[in-house]
Amino acid sequence: MNRLVSLAASVDDRPTLAQVDAMLTELQQMPRNQSVTELIDELLDYRSMLPCTDS
């Protein structure tokens, strides 16, 4: 969880594709509960709107 907090805190404006992927990787390692599932869903929605060339 500390790694996820560090990743989120390091984002100045809008997270890049690489930053979103890093957060998703951390979330996948966490036990699934409603909060984690909702955050994963929101990040996946956000990721789908990012251009593929963003990194």
C-alpha atoms as a PDB file:
ATOM      1  CA  MET A   1       0.000   0.000   0.000  1.00  0.00           C
ATOM      2  CA  ASN A   2       2.863   2.399   0.751  1.00  0.00           C
ATOM      3  CA  ARG A   3       4.177   1.955  -2.797  1.00  0.00           C
ATOM      4  CA  LEU A   4       0.762   2.820  -4.218  1.00  0.00           C
ATOM      5  CA  VAL A   5       0.562   5.946  -2.058  1.00  0.00           C
ATOM      6  CA  SER A   6       4.042   6.969  -3.212  1.00  0.00           C
ATOM      7  CA  LEU A   7       3.084   6.443  -6.856  1.00  0.00           C
ATOM      8  CA  ALA A   8      -0.098   8.486  -6.507  1.00  0.00           C
ATOM      9  CA  ALA A   9       1.702  11.266  -4.633  1.00  0.00           C
ATOM     10  CA  SER A  10       4.346  11.543  -7.342  1.00  0.00           C
ATOM     11  CA  VAL A  11       1.759  12.448  -9.980  1.00  0.00           C
ATOM     12  CA  ASP A  12       1.732  16.222 -10.465  1.00  0.00           C
ATOM     13  CA  ASP A  13      -1.219  16.603 -12.794  1.00  0.00           C
ATOM     14  CA  ARG A  14      -2.713  13.719 -14.726  1.00  0.00           C
ATOM     15  CA  PRO A  15      -0.982  10.357 -14.534  1.00  0.00           C
ATOM     16  CA  THR A  16       0.729   9.044 -17.635  1.00  0.00           C
ATOM     17  CA  LEU A  17       0.046   5.620 -19.081  1.00  0.00           C
ATOM     18  CA  ALA A  18       3.170   4.280 -17.367  1.00  0.00           C
ATOM     19  CA  GLN A  19       2.088   5.723 -14.007  1.00  0.00           C
ATOM     20  CA  VAL A  20      -1.404   4.260 -14.334  1.00  0.00           C
ATOM     21  CA  ASP A  21       0.071   0.871 -15.237  1.00  0.00           C
ATOM     22  CA  ALA A  22       2.357   1.032 -12.184  1.00  0.00           C
ATOM     23  CA  MET A  23      -0.613   1.808  -9.929  1.00  0.00           C
ATOM     24  CA  LEU A  24      -2.629  -1.023 -11.468  1.00  0.00           C
ATOM     25  CA  THR A  25       0.261  -3.419 -10.866  1.00  0.00           C
ATOM     26  CA  GLU A  26       0.341  -2.462  -7.206  1.00  0.00           C
ATOM     27  CA  LEU A  27      -3.437  -2.757  -6.879  1.00  0.00           C
ATOM     28  CA  GLN A  28      -3.408  -6.246  -8.418  1.00  0.00           C
ATOM     29  CA  GLN A  29      -1.238  -7.412  -5.523  1.00  0.00           C
ATOM     30  CA  MET A  30      -3.670  -6.155  -2.894  1.00  0.00           C
ATOM     31  CA  PRO A  31      -6.549  -8.184  -1.448  1.00  0.00           C
ATOM     32  CA  ARG A  32      -9.762  -7.494  -3.345  1.00  0.00           C
ATOM     33  CA  ASN A  33     -12.368  -5.473  -1.533  1.00  0.00           C
ATOM     34  CA  GLN A  34     -14.916  -2.983  -2.804  1.00  0.00           C
ATOM     35  CA  SER A  35     -12.520  -0.010  -2.573  1.00  0.00           C
ATOM     36  CA  VAL A  36      -9.703  -1.739  -4.442  1.00  0.00           C
ATOM     37  CA  THR A  37     -12.076  -3.031  -7.108  1.00  0.00           C
ATOM     38  CA  GLU A  38     -13.605   0.410  -7.617  1.00  0.00           C
ATOM     39  CA  LEU A  39     -10.168   2.031  -7.864  1.00  0.00           C
ATOM     40  CA  ILE A  40      -9.038  -0.554 -10.418  1.00  0.00           C
ATOM     41  CA  ASP A  41     -12.199   0.068 -12.456  1.00  0.00           C
ATOM     42  CA  GLU A  42     -11.673   3.840 -12.358  1.00  0.00           C
ATOM     43  CA  LEU A  43      -8.027   3.534 -13.386  1.00  0.00           C
ATOM     44  CA  LEU A  44      -8.917   1.193 -16.241  1.00  0.00           C
ATOM     45  CA  ASP A  45     -11.552   3.665 -17.451  1.00  0.00           C
ATOM     46  CA  TYR A  46      -9.013   6.497 -17.257  1.00  0.00           C
ATOM     47  CA  ARG A  47      -6.361   4.351 -18.981  1.00  0.00           C
ATOM     48  CA  SER A  48      -8.708   3.622 -21.878  1.00  0.00           C
ATOM     49  CA  MET A  49      -8.919   7.367 -22.591  1.00  0.00           C
ATOM     50  CA  LEU A  50      -5.151   7.923 -22.679  1.00  0.00           C
ATOM     51  CA  PRO A  51      -3.361   7.997 -26.025  1.00  0.00           C
ATOM     52  CA  CYS A  52      -1.304   4.875 -26.656  1.00  0.00           C
ATOM     53  CA  THR A  53       1.805   6.950 -27.304  1.00  0.00           C
ATOM     54  CA  ASP A  54       1.716   8.520 -23.800  1.00  0.00           C
ATOM     55  CA  SER A  55       4.424   7.140 -21.520  1.00  0.00           C
END
